Every structure is written in C-alpha cells, then in structure tokens.
Amino acid sequence: MDLATFNALPAADAAATVRPCADVDPWVDTVVAGRPFLCRDTLLLHAMRAAADWTAADVDAALAHHPRIGERASGDSAEARLSRTEQPTAAEATAARIAEGNAAYEAKFGRIFLVRAAGRTAEEILANLTERLANDPATEALVTAEQLRQIALLRLETLIEEPADPTEATP
C-alpha cells in the first residue's frame, strides 16, 4: 500500500493495516493517530518512537501472534504471510537444534524465542538463540522487546511504500 493511501484510510482500516506489524494496542493507536505522514521515513520514525516504551505486557501480547522460530505460521492473515517470508529454511540438523533451543528457551523464560529472522540464516538464528539462553530474565526481556521493535518496523516498511512522487503523500 502506498503512503498516501495509508494516510487516507479510515482509522479502523489503518489500524488493521498496522496491527500485523505488532499487535500492541497503544502502538497501533499511536501510529494511526500520527497520520498523515509526509514521507515513509517520518512514519517509521514515529513508529519507532511509539515502540520505545513497550511494556512486558505489550511484548507478551504481541508474542501471542508469533510462531516459534523454525515453525511456519499457518493461516492466511497478514501477520502469518509476513512471518512466512521472514524465516529462512533450515537444514534438518539445524532445524532440530533450533527446536531443542526453543524448548530450552521456553522452559527458562516462559515465552517463545523471538528474533528478527529477516536477513538472517538459520545458522545465525541458532547462534543467537544459543547466546541468549545465557541471559538472565531481565536482560532477555529487553532483548526480546528490541527484537520485536525491529520486526515491527521491518514489517511496516514492507507494508507501506513510498510514493513515486513525494507530493502524492502530502495531504
């Protein structure tokens, strides 16, 4: 969707567009309320600032919609489609080690392991998972929130295109 179209959407439709990026109600509301945006960079900066203060409850709510790393999201929702494009395919041995790491992570931290998978190989994800298993819960909560912010911004950047003619974004 181009930025001008996003700017012109009714609030409920704009929220439905943004929600697959991160299902955090205050963040979605803040991003939608910031419209109209003159350029995509302004939108992304606004979204990044709105995500800066996510609480543990915000992160937990968003994690409820993320599949485990190594598992393909099912369904036809926008969030599932985005997730399927982000995770790399792993060799069988790497996939098995990621599955084992997921189980250890969930046992230690009580939530799924989340990492910005886009642009990373399965081996890099496994290394990140292994490193993060050494974190204490407070540190890991901060790391998880940062990974969620990165995912949200990458998804938003993917969903909202800059218009070919920048004057088209001006209300």
N, C-alpha and C. Protein backbone atom coordinates (compact mmCIF):
# COMPACT_ATOMS: atom_id res chain seq x y z
N MET A 1 0.85 -1.15 0.00
CA MET A 1 0.00 0.00 0.00
C MET A 1 0.90 1.23 0.00
N ASP A 2 0.52 2.24 -0.77
CA ASP A 2 1.35 3.44 -0.76
C ASP A 2 0.98 4.33 0.41
N LEU A 3 1.87 5.24 0.75
CA LEU A 3 1.72 6.08 1.92
C LEU A 3 0.47 6.96 1.83
N ALA A 4 0.19 7.50 0.66
CA ALA A 4 -0.99 8.36 0.50
C ALA A 4 -2.27 7.58 0.81
N THR A 5 -2.33 6.34 0.36
CA THR A 5 -3.50 5.51 0.63
C THR A 5 -3.60 5.24 2.13
N PHE A 6 -2.48 4.89 2.76
CA PHE A 6 -2.48 4.66 4.20
C PHE A 6 -2.95 5.90 4.95
N ASN A 7 -2.45 7.06 4.56
CA ASN A 7 -2.85 8.30 5.22
C ASN A 7 -4.34 8.56 5.11
N ALA A 8 -4.96 8.14 4.00
CA ALA A 8 -6.37 8.43 3.74
C ALA A 8 -7.34 7.39 4.31
N LEU A 9 -6.83 6.27 4.79
CA LEU A 9 -7.70 5.21 5.30
C LEU A 9 -8.49 5.68 6.53
N PRO A 10 -9.71 5.16 6.68
CA PRO A 10 -10.39 5.35 7.97
C PRO A 10 -9.52 4.75 9.08
N ALA A 11 -9.65 5.28 10.28
CA ALA A 11 -8.78 4.86 11.39
C ALA A 11 -8.82 3.35 11.61
N ALA A 12 -9.99 2.74 11.56
CA ALA A 12 -10.09 1.30 11.80
C ALA A 12 -9.33 0.51 10.73
N ASP A 13 -9.41 0.96 9.48
CA ASP A 13 -8.69 0.27 8.40
C ASP A 13 -7.18 0.48 8.52
N ALA A 14 -6.77 1.68 8.91
CA ALA A 14 -5.35 1.95 9.12
C ALA A 14 -4.81 1.08 10.26
N ALA A 15 -5.60 0.94 11.32
CA ALA A 15 -5.19 0.09 12.45
C ALA A 15 -5.07 -1.36 11.99
N ALA A 16 -6.00 -1.82 11.18
CA ALA A 16 -5.94 -3.20 10.67
C ALA A 16 -4.71 -3.39 9.78
N THR A 17 -4.28 -2.36 9.12
CA THR A 17 -3.08 -2.43 8.27
C THR A 17 -1.82 -2.54 9.13
N VAL A 18 -1.77 -1.79 10.22
CA VAL A 18 -0.58 -1.71 11.06
C VAL A 18 -0.49 -2.89 12.03
N ARG A 19 -1.61 -3.39 12.51
CA ARG A 19 -1.62 -4.41 13.57
C ARG A 19 -0.78 -5.65 13.25
N PRO A 20 -0.72 -6.15 12.01
CA PRO A 20 0.14 -7.33 11.76
C PRO A 20 1.63 -7.06 12.00
N CYS A 21 2.03 -5.81 12.05
CA CYS A 21 3.43 -5.49 12.32
C CYS A 21 3.77 -5.77 13.78
N ALA A 22 2.86 -5.42 14.67
CA ALA A 22 3.00 -5.69 16.11
C ALA A 22 1.63 -5.47 16.74
N ASP A 23 1.08 -6.50 17.31
CA ASP A 23 -0.25 -6.42 17.90
C ASP A 23 -0.15 -5.86 19.32
N VAL A 24 0.19 -4.58 19.35
CA VAL A 24 0.32 -3.83 20.61
C VAL A 24 -0.62 -2.63 20.48
N ASP A 25 -1.75 -2.69 21.17
CA ASP A 25 -2.81 -1.69 21.00
C ASP A 25 -2.32 -0.24 21.11
N PRO A 26 -1.58 0.13 22.17
CA PRO A 26 -1.15 1.54 22.26
C PRO A 26 -0.26 1.96 21.09
N TRP A 27 0.58 1.04 20.62
CA TRP A 27 1.46 1.34 19.49
C TRP A 27 0.64 1.54 18.22
N VAL A 28 -0.28 0.63 17.95
CA VAL A 28 -1.14 0.74 16.76
C VAL A 28 -1.89 2.07 16.81
N ASP A 29 -2.47 2.39 17.97
CA ASP A 29 -3.24 3.63 18.11
C ASP A 29 -2.37 4.86 17.87
N THR A 30 -1.15 4.85 18.40
CA THR A 30 -0.24 5.98 18.24
C THR A 30 0.20 6.14 16.79
N VAL A 31 0.50 5.04 16.13
CA VAL A 31 0.90 5.12 14.72
C VAL A 31 -0.25 5.67 13.88
N VAL A 32 -1.44 5.15 14.08
CA VAL A 32 -2.60 5.60 13.31
C VAL A 32 -2.90 7.07 13.60
N ALA A 33 -2.82 7.48 14.85
CA ALA A 33 -3.12 8.86 15.22
C ALA A 33 -2.10 9.86 14.67
N GLY A 34 -0.91 9.39 14.32
CA GLY A 34 0.13 10.27 13.80
C GLY A 34 -0.06 10.68 12.35
N ARG A 35 -1.02 10.05 11.68
CA ARG A 35 -1.25 10.39 10.28
C ARG A 35 -1.81 11.80 10.15
N PRO A 36 -1.59 12.48 9.04
CA PRO A 36 -0.89 12.00 7.84
C PRO A 36 0.62 12.18 7.96
N PHE A 37 1.35 11.25 7.37
CA PHE A 37 2.80 11.31 7.33
C PHE A 37 3.23 11.85 5.97
N LEU A 38 4.21 12.74 5.97
CA LEU A 38 4.67 13.33 4.72
C LEU A 38 5.57 12.40 3.92
N CYS A 39 6.25 11.48 4.63
CA CYS A 39 7.08 10.51 3.94
C CYS A 39 7.17 9.25 4.80
N ARG A 40 7.61 8.17 4.19
CA ARG A 40 7.69 6.90 4.92
C ARG A 40 8.70 6.97 6.05
N ASP A 41 9.79 7.71 5.87
CA ASP A 41 10.77 7.83 6.94
C ASP A 41 10.15 8.47 8.18
N THR A 42 9.26 9.43 8.00
CA THR A 42 8.58 10.06 9.14
C THR A 42 7.67 9.05 9.82
N LEU A 43 6.97 8.26 9.04
CA LEU A 43 6.13 7.19 9.59
C LEU A 43 6.98 6.22 10.41
N LEU A 44 8.09 5.78 9.87
CA LEU A 44 8.94 4.81 10.56
C LEU A 44 9.55 5.40 11.83
N LEU A 45 9.94 6.65 11.79
CA LEU A 45 10.48 7.30 12.98
C LEU A 45 9.40 7.41 14.06
N HIS A 46 8.19 7.79 13.65
CA HIS A 46 7.07 7.89 14.59
C HIS A 46 6.78 6.51 15.21
N ALA A 47 6.78 5.48 14.38
CA ALA A 47 6.51 4.11 14.86
C ALA A 47 7.61 3.64 15.80
N MET A 48 8.86 3.97 15.49
CA MET A 48 9.98 3.58 16.34
C MET A 48 9.87 4.26 17.71
N ARG A 49 9.56 5.53 17.71
CA ARG A 49 9.41 6.25 18.99
C ARG A 49 8.24 5.68 19.80
N ALA A 50 7.17 5.34 19.12
CA ALA A 50 5.99 4.78 19.81
C ALA A 50 6.30 3.42 20.42
N ALA A 51 7.25 2.70 19.84
CA ALA A 51 7.61 1.37 20.35
C ALA A 51 8.68 1.41 21.44
N ALA A 52 9.25 2.57 21.68
CA ALA A 52 10.37 2.67 22.61
C ALA A 52 10.02 2.27 24.04
N ASP A 53 8.79 2.48 24.43
CA ASP A 53 8.40 2.23 25.82
C ASP A 53 7.48 1.03 25.98
N TRP A 54 7.59 0.05 25.10
CA TRP A 54 6.75 -1.13 25.24
C TRP A 54 6.99 -1.79 26.59
N THR A 55 5.91 -2.16 27.22
CA THR A 55 5.97 -2.85 28.50
C THR A 55 6.11 -4.35 28.28
N ALA A 56 6.37 -5.07 29.35
CA ALA A 56 6.42 -6.53 29.26
C ALA A 56 5.06 -7.07 28.80
N ALA A 57 3.97 -6.47 29.25
CA ALA A 57 2.63 -6.90 28.83
C ALA A 57 2.43 -6.66 27.33
N ASP A 58 2.93 -5.54 26.81
CA ASP A 58 2.84 -5.26 25.37
C ASP A 58 3.57 -6.34 24.58
N VAL A 59 4.78 -6.65 25.02
CA VAL A 59 5.59 -7.67 24.33
C VAL A 59 4.89 -9.03 24.39
N ASP A 60 4.38 -9.40 25.56
CA ASP A 60 3.68 -10.68 25.70
C ASP A 60 2.47 -10.75 24.78
N ALA A 61 1.72 -9.65 24.67
CA ALA A 61 0.54 -9.63 23.80
C ALA A 61 0.96 -9.85 22.34
N ALA A 62 2.02 -9.19 21.92
CA ALA A 62 2.49 -9.34 20.55
C ALA A 62 3.04 -10.74 20.28
N LEU A 63 3.71 -11.31 21.28
CA LEU A 63 4.29 -12.65 21.10
C LEU A 63 3.22 -13.72 20.90
N ALA A 64 2.03 -13.46 21.39
CA ALA A 64 0.95 -14.44 21.25
C ALA A 64 0.64 -14.73 19.79
N HIS A 65 1.04 -13.83 18.90
CA HIS A 65 0.74 -13.99 17.47
C HIS A 65 1.95 -14.43 16.64
N HIS A 66 3.06 -14.68 17.29
CA HIS A 66 4.26 -15.09 16.57
C HIS A 66 4.46 -16.59 16.67
N PRO A 67 4.78 -17.23 15.55
CA PRO A 67 5.10 -18.67 15.62
C PRO A 67 6.49 -18.86 16.20
N ARG A 68 6.76 -20.05 16.64
CA ARG A 68 8.12 -20.37 17.09
C ARG A 68 9.06 -20.27 15.89
N ILE A 69 10.28 -19.85 16.18
CA ILE A 69 11.30 -19.85 15.14
C ILE A 69 11.45 -21.29 14.64
N GLY A 70 11.46 -21.43 13.34
CA GLY A 70 11.57 -22.76 12.75
C GLY A 70 10.23 -23.36 12.38
N GLU A 71 9.15 -22.78 12.86
CA GLU A 71 7.81 -23.24 12.51
C GLU A 71 7.18 -22.22 11.58
N ARG A 72 6.49 -22.70 10.59
CA ARG A 72 5.82 -21.82 9.64
C ARG A 72 4.48 -21.39 10.20
N ALA A 73 4.20 -20.10 10.11
CA ALA A 73 2.91 -19.58 10.56
C ALA A 73 1.82 -20.14 9.66
N SER A 74 0.74 -20.56 10.25
CA SER A 74 -0.38 -21.08 9.47
C SER A 74 -1.43 -19.99 9.30
N GLY A 75 -2.33 -20.22 8.38
CA GLY A 75 -3.42 -19.28 8.17
C GLY A 75 -3.10 -18.31 7.06
N ASP A 76 -4.09 -17.46 6.80
CA ASP A 76 -3.97 -16.50 5.70
C ASP A 76 -3.98 -15.06 6.19
N SER A 77 -3.72 -14.86 7.48
CA SER A 77 -3.71 -13.49 7.99
C SER A 77 -2.49 -12.76 7.45
N ALA A 78 -2.55 -11.44 7.50
CA ALA A 78 -1.41 -10.63 7.05
C ALA A 78 -0.18 -10.95 7.89
N GLU A 79 -0.38 -11.14 9.19
CA GLU A 79 0.74 -11.46 10.07
C GLU A 79 1.38 -12.80 9.71
N ALA A 80 0.56 -13.81 9.41
CA ALA A 80 1.08 -15.12 9.03
C ALA A 80 1.85 -15.03 7.72
N ARG A 81 1.31 -14.28 6.76
CA ARG A 81 2.01 -14.12 5.47
C ARG A 81 3.35 -13.43 5.66
N LEU A 82 3.39 -12.38 6.48
CA LEU A 82 4.65 -11.69 6.74
C LEU A 82 5.65 -12.62 7.41
N SER A 83 5.20 -13.38 8.39
CA SER A 83 6.07 -14.29 9.11
C SER A 83 6.69 -15.32 8.18
N ARG A 84 5.88 -15.86 7.26
CA ARG A 84 6.40 -16.89 6.36
C ARG A 84 7.49 -16.36 5.45
N THR A 85 7.47 -15.06 5.15
CA THR A 85 8.52 -14.50 4.28
C THR A 85 9.79 -14.17 5.05
N GLU A 86 9.72 -14.14 6.37
CA GLU A 86 10.86 -13.71 7.17
C GLU A 86 11.80 -14.83 7.58
N GLN A 87 11.28 -16.01 7.83
CA GLN A 87 12.10 -17.09 8.37
C GLN A 87 12.79 -17.88 7.25
N PRO A 88 14.10 -18.11 7.41
CA PRO A 88 14.80 -18.91 6.42
C PRO A 88 14.49 -20.40 6.59
N THR A 89 14.74 -21.15 5.54
CA THR A 89 14.62 -22.60 5.61
C THR A 89 15.91 -23.14 6.23
N ALA A 90 15.76 -24.12 7.12
CA ALA A 90 16.92 -24.67 7.82
C ALA A 90 17.14 -26.11 7.40
N ALA A 91 18.42 -26.52 7.37
CA ALA A 91 18.76 -27.92 7.17
C ALA A 91 18.18 -28.71 8.34
N GLU A 92 17.95 -29.99 8.13
CA GLU A 92 17.30 -30.83 9.14
C GLU A 92 18.01 -30.78 10.49
N ALA A 93 19.33 -30.89 10.49
CA ALA A 93 20.08 -30.89 11.76
C ALA A 93 19.96 -29.53 12.45
N THR A 94 20.05 -28.44 11.69
CA THR A 94 19.92 -27.11 12.27
C THR A 94 18.51 -26.90 12.80
N ALA A 95 17.52 -27.34 12.04
CA ALA A 95 16.13 -27.22 12.47
C ALA A 95 15.90 -27.97 13.77
N ALA A 96 16.48 -29.13 13.91
CA ALA A 96 16.34 -29.92 15.14
C ALA A 96 16.99 -29.19 16.32
N ARG A 97 18.15 -28.58 16.10
CA ARG A 97 18.81 -27.85 17.17
C ARG A 97 18.04 -26.59 17.55
N ILE A 98 17.42 -25.95 16.57
CA ILE A 98 16.58 -24.79 16.87
C ILE A 98 15.37 -25.23 17.69
N ALA A 99 14.77 -26.34 17.33
CA ALA A 99 13.61 -26.85 18.08
C ALA A 99 14.01 -27.16 19.53
N GLU A 100 15.17 -27.77 19.71
CA GLU A 100 15.66 -28.06 21.06
C GLU A 100 15.91 -26.75 21.83
N GLY A 101 16.51 -25.79 21.15
CA GLY A 101 16.77 -24.49 21.77
C GLY A 101 15.48 -23.77 22.12
N ASN A 102 14.47 -23.86 21.24
CA ASN A 102 13.17 -23.26 21.53
C ASN A 102 12.60 -23.83 22.83
N ALA A 103 12.68 -25.14 22.97
CA ALA A 103 12.14 -25.80 24.17
C ALA A 103 12.90 -25.34 25.42
N ALA A 104 14.22 -25.25 25.34
CA ALA A 104 15.01 -24.80 26.47
C ALA A 104 14.70 -23.34 26.81
N TYR A 105 14.54 -22.53 25.77
CA TYR A 105 14.23 -21.11 25.96
C TYR A 105 12.88 -20.95 26.65
N GLU A 106 11.88 -21.66 26.16
CA GLU A 106 10.55 -21.57 26.75
C GLU A 106 10.54 -22.05 28.19
N ALA A 107 11.31 -23.08 28.48
CA ALA A 107 11.39 -23.58 29.86
C ALA A 107 12.05 -22.53 30.76
N LYS A 108 13.05 -21.85 30.25
CA LYS A 108 13.78 -20.87 31.07
C LYS A 108 13.03 -19.55 31.21
N PHE A 109 12.46 -19.05 30.10
CA PHE A 109 11.90 -17.70 30.10
C PHE A 109 10.37 -17.65 30.09
N GLY A 110 9.71 -18.78 29.84
CA GLY A 110 8.26 -18.82 29.88
C GLY A 110 7.56 -18.15 28.71
N ARG A 111 8.26 -17.98 27.60
CA ARG A 111 7.67 -17.42 26.37
C ARG A 111 8.47 -17.93 25.18
N ILE A 112 7.93 -17.72 23.99
CA ILE A 112 8.64 -18.18 22.80
C ILE A 112 9.87 -17.31 22.56
N PHE A 113 10.85 -17.90 21.90
CA PHE A 113 12.05 -17.19 21.48
C PHE A 113 11.67 -16.35 20.26
N LEU A 114 12.01 -15.08 20.31
CA LEU A 114 11.71 -14.17 19.21
C LEU A 114 13.00 -13.52 18.75
N VAL A 115 13.21 -13.55 17.46
CA VAL A 115 14.37 -12.89 16.87
C VAL A 115 13.94 -12.34 15.51
N ARG A 116 14.54 -11.21 15.13
CA ARG A 116 14.29 -10.72 13.78
C ARG A 116 14.96 -11.70 12.83
N ALA A 117 14.16 -12.50 12.18
CA ALA A 117 14.69 -13.55 11.32
C ALA A 117 15.02 -13.04 9.92
N ALA A 118 14.35 -11.99 9.50
CA ALA A 118 14.58 -11.46 8.15
C ALA A 118 16.05 -11.10 7.98
N GLY A 119 16.65 -11.60 6.91
CA GLY A 119 18.04 -11.30 6.61
C GLY A 119 19.04 -12.17 7.35
N ARG A 120 18.56 -13.11 8.15
CA ARG A 120 19.47 -13.99 8.89
C ARG A 120 19.34 -15.42 8.38
N THR A 121 20.42 -16.15 8.44
CA THR A 121 20.38 -17.56 8.07
C THR A 121 19.90 -18.36 9.28
N ALA A 122 19.52 -19.59 9.04
CA ALA A 122 19.11 -20.47 10.13
C ALA A 122 20.26 -20.66 11.12
N GLU A 123 21.46 -20.73 10.62
CA GLU A 123 22.62 -20.91 11.49
C GLU A 123 22.84 -19.68 12.37
N GLU A 124 22.63 -18.49 11.81
CA GLU A 124 22.75 -17.26 12.60
C GLU A 124 21.67 -17.20 13.68
N ILE A 125 20.48 -17.64 13.33
CA ILE A 125 19.38 -17.67 14.31
C ILE A 125 19.70 -18.64 15.43
N LEU A 126 20.22 -19.80 15.08
CA LEU A 126 20.60 -20.78 16.09
C LEU A 126 21.68 -20.21 17.01
N ALA A 127 22.66 -19.53 16.46
CA ALA A 127 23.72 -18.93 17.27
C ALA A 127 23.14 -17.87 18.21
N ASN A 128 22.21 -17.07 17.71
CA ASN A 128 21.57 -16.05 18.54
C ASN A 128 20.78 -16.69 19.66
N LEU A 129 20.05 -17.73 19.36
CA LEU A 129 19.27 -18.47 20.36
C LEU A 129 20.19 -19.03 21.44
N THR A 130 21.28 -19.64 21.02
CA THR A 130 22.23 -20.23 21.96
C THR A 130 22.83 -19.15 22.88
N GLU A 131 23.22 -18.02 22.31
CA GLU A 131 23.76 -16.91 23.10
C GLU A 131 22.74 -16.39 24.10
N ARG A 132 21.52 -16.23 23.67
CA ARG A 132 20.51 -15.61 24.52
C ARG A 132 20.04 -16.54 25.64
N LEU A 133 20.25 -17.83 25.50
CA LEU A 133 19.92 -18.74 26.59
C LEU A 133 20.77 -18.45 27.84
N ALA A 134 21.89 -17.78 27.65
CA ALA A 134 22.76 -17.43 28.78
C ALA A 134 22.30 -16.15 29.50
N ASN A 135 21.34 -15.43 28.91
CA ASN A 135 20.87 -14.19 29.52
C ASN A 135 20.07 -14.45 30.79
N ASP A 136 20.08 -13.46 31.67
CA ASP A 136 19.17 -13.50 32.81
C ASP A 136 17.81 -12.99 32.33
N PRO A 137 16.74 -13.25 33.06
CA PRO A 137 15.39 -12.87 32.60
C PRO A 137 15.24 -11.37 32.30
N ALA A 138 15.82 -10.51 33.10
CA ALA A 138 15.67 -9.07 32.87
C ALA A 138 16.35 -8.64 31.57
N THR A 139 17.55 -9.13 31.35
CA THR A 139 18.26 -8.81 30.11
C THR A 139 17.51 -9.36 28.92
N GLU A 140 17.03 -10.60 29.04
CA GLU A 140 16.33 -11.22 27.91
C GLU A 140 15.03 -10.48 27.59
N ALA A 141 14.36 -9.96 28.59
CA ALA A 141 13.14 -9.19 28.33
C ALA A 141 13.45 -7.96 27.48
N LEU A 142 14.57 -7.29 27.77
CA LEU A 142 14.98 -6.13 26.98
C LEU A 142 15.35 -6.53 25.55
N VAL A 143 16.07 -7.63 25.42
CA VAL A 143 16.48 -8.10 24.09
C VAL A 143 15.26 -8.50 23.27
N THR A 144 14.31 -9.18 23.89
CA THR A 144 13.10 -9.60 23.18
C THR A 144 12.30 -8.39 22.71
N ALA A 145 12.16 -7.39 23.57
CA ALA A 145 11.44 -6.17 23.18
C ALA A 145 12.12 -5.49 22.00
N GLU A 146 13.45 -5.46 22.00
CA GLU A 146 14.18 -4.85 20.88
C GLU A 146 13.98 -5.64 19.59
N GLN A 147 14.00 -6.96 19.69
CA GLN A 147 13.77 -7.79 18.50
C GLN A 147 12.36 -7.55 17.95
N LEU A 148 11.38 -7.44 18.84
CA LEU A 148 10.00 -7.16 18.42
C LEU A 148 9.91 -5.80 17.74
N ARG A 149 10.60 -4.80 18.26
CA ARG A 149 10.61 -3.48 17.62
C ARG A 149 11.19 -3.58 16.21
N GLN A 150 12.30 -4.31 16.08
CA GLN A 150 12.91 -4.46 14.75
C GLN A 150 11.96 -5.13 13.78
N ILE A 151 11.29 -6.17 14.24
CA ILE A 151 10.33 -6.88 13.39
C ILE A 151 9.20 -5.95 12.99
N ALA A 152 8.66 -5.22 13.95
CA ALA A 152 7.54 -4.31 13.67
C ALA A 152 7.91 -3.27 12.63
N LEU A 153 9.08 -2.67 12.78
CA LEU A 153 9.50 -1.64 11.83
C LEU A 153 9.79 -2.21 10.45
N LEU A 154 10.40 -3.38 10.39
CA LEU A 154 10.64 -4.01 9.08
C LEU A 154 9.32 -4.36 8.39
N ARG A 155 8.38 -4.86 9.16
CA ARG A 155 7.07 -5.19 8.58
C ARG A 155 6.37 -3.94 8.10
N LEU A 156 6.41 -2.88 8.89
CA LEU A 156 5.76 -1.63 8.49
C LEU A 156 6.41 -1.08 7.23
N GLU A 157 7.72 -1.15 7.16
CA GLU A 157 8.44 -0.69 5.98
C GLU A 157 8.06 -1.52 4.75
N THR A 158 7.81 -2.80 4.95
CA THR A 158 7.39 -3.68 3.85
C THR A 158 5.96 -3.37 3.40
N LEU A 159 5.10 -3.05 4.35
CA LEU A 159 3.69 -2.82 4.03
C LEU A 159 3.40 -1.47 3.39
N ILE A 160 4.13 -0.44 3.81
CA ILE A 160 3.85 0.92 3.34
C ILE A 160 4.96 1.35 2.40
N GLU A 161 4.57 1.61 1.17
CA GLU A 161 5.54 2.01 0.15
C GLU A 161 5.59 3.52 0.03
N GLU A 162 6.77 4.01 -0.27
CA GLU A 162 6.95 5.43 -0.55
C GLU A 162 6.35 5.69 -1.92
N PRO A 163 5.58 6.76 -2.09
CA PRO A 163 5.04 7.04 -3.42
C PRO A 163 6.16 7.44 -4.39
N ALA A 164 5.95 7.15 -5.66
CA ALA A 164 6.94 7.52 -6.68
C ALA A 164 7.10 9.04 -6.71
N ASP A 165 6.00 9.76 -6.51
CA ASP A 165 6.01 11.21 -6.50
C ASP A 165 5.77 11.67 -5.06
N PRO A 166 6.80 12.19 -4.35
CA PRO A 166 6.64 12.54 -2.95
C PRO A 166 5.48 13.50 -2.66
N THR A 167 5.07 14.30 -3.65
CA THR A 167 3.95 15.22 -3.42
C THR A 167 2.64 14.48 -3.26
N GLU A 168 2.59 13.19 -3.67
CA GLU A 168 1.37 12.40 -3.52
C GLU A 168 1.08 12.11 -2.05
N ALA A 169 2.08 12.14 -1.20
CA ALA A 169 1.89 11.83 0.22
C ALA A 169 1.40 13.03 1.01
N THR A 170 1.50 14.21 0.43
CA THR A 170 1.09 15.42 1.13
C THR A 170 -0.42 15.52 1.13
N PRO A 171 -1.02 15.69 2.32
CA PRO A 171 -2.49 15.78 2.38
C PRO A 171 -3.00 17.08 1.82
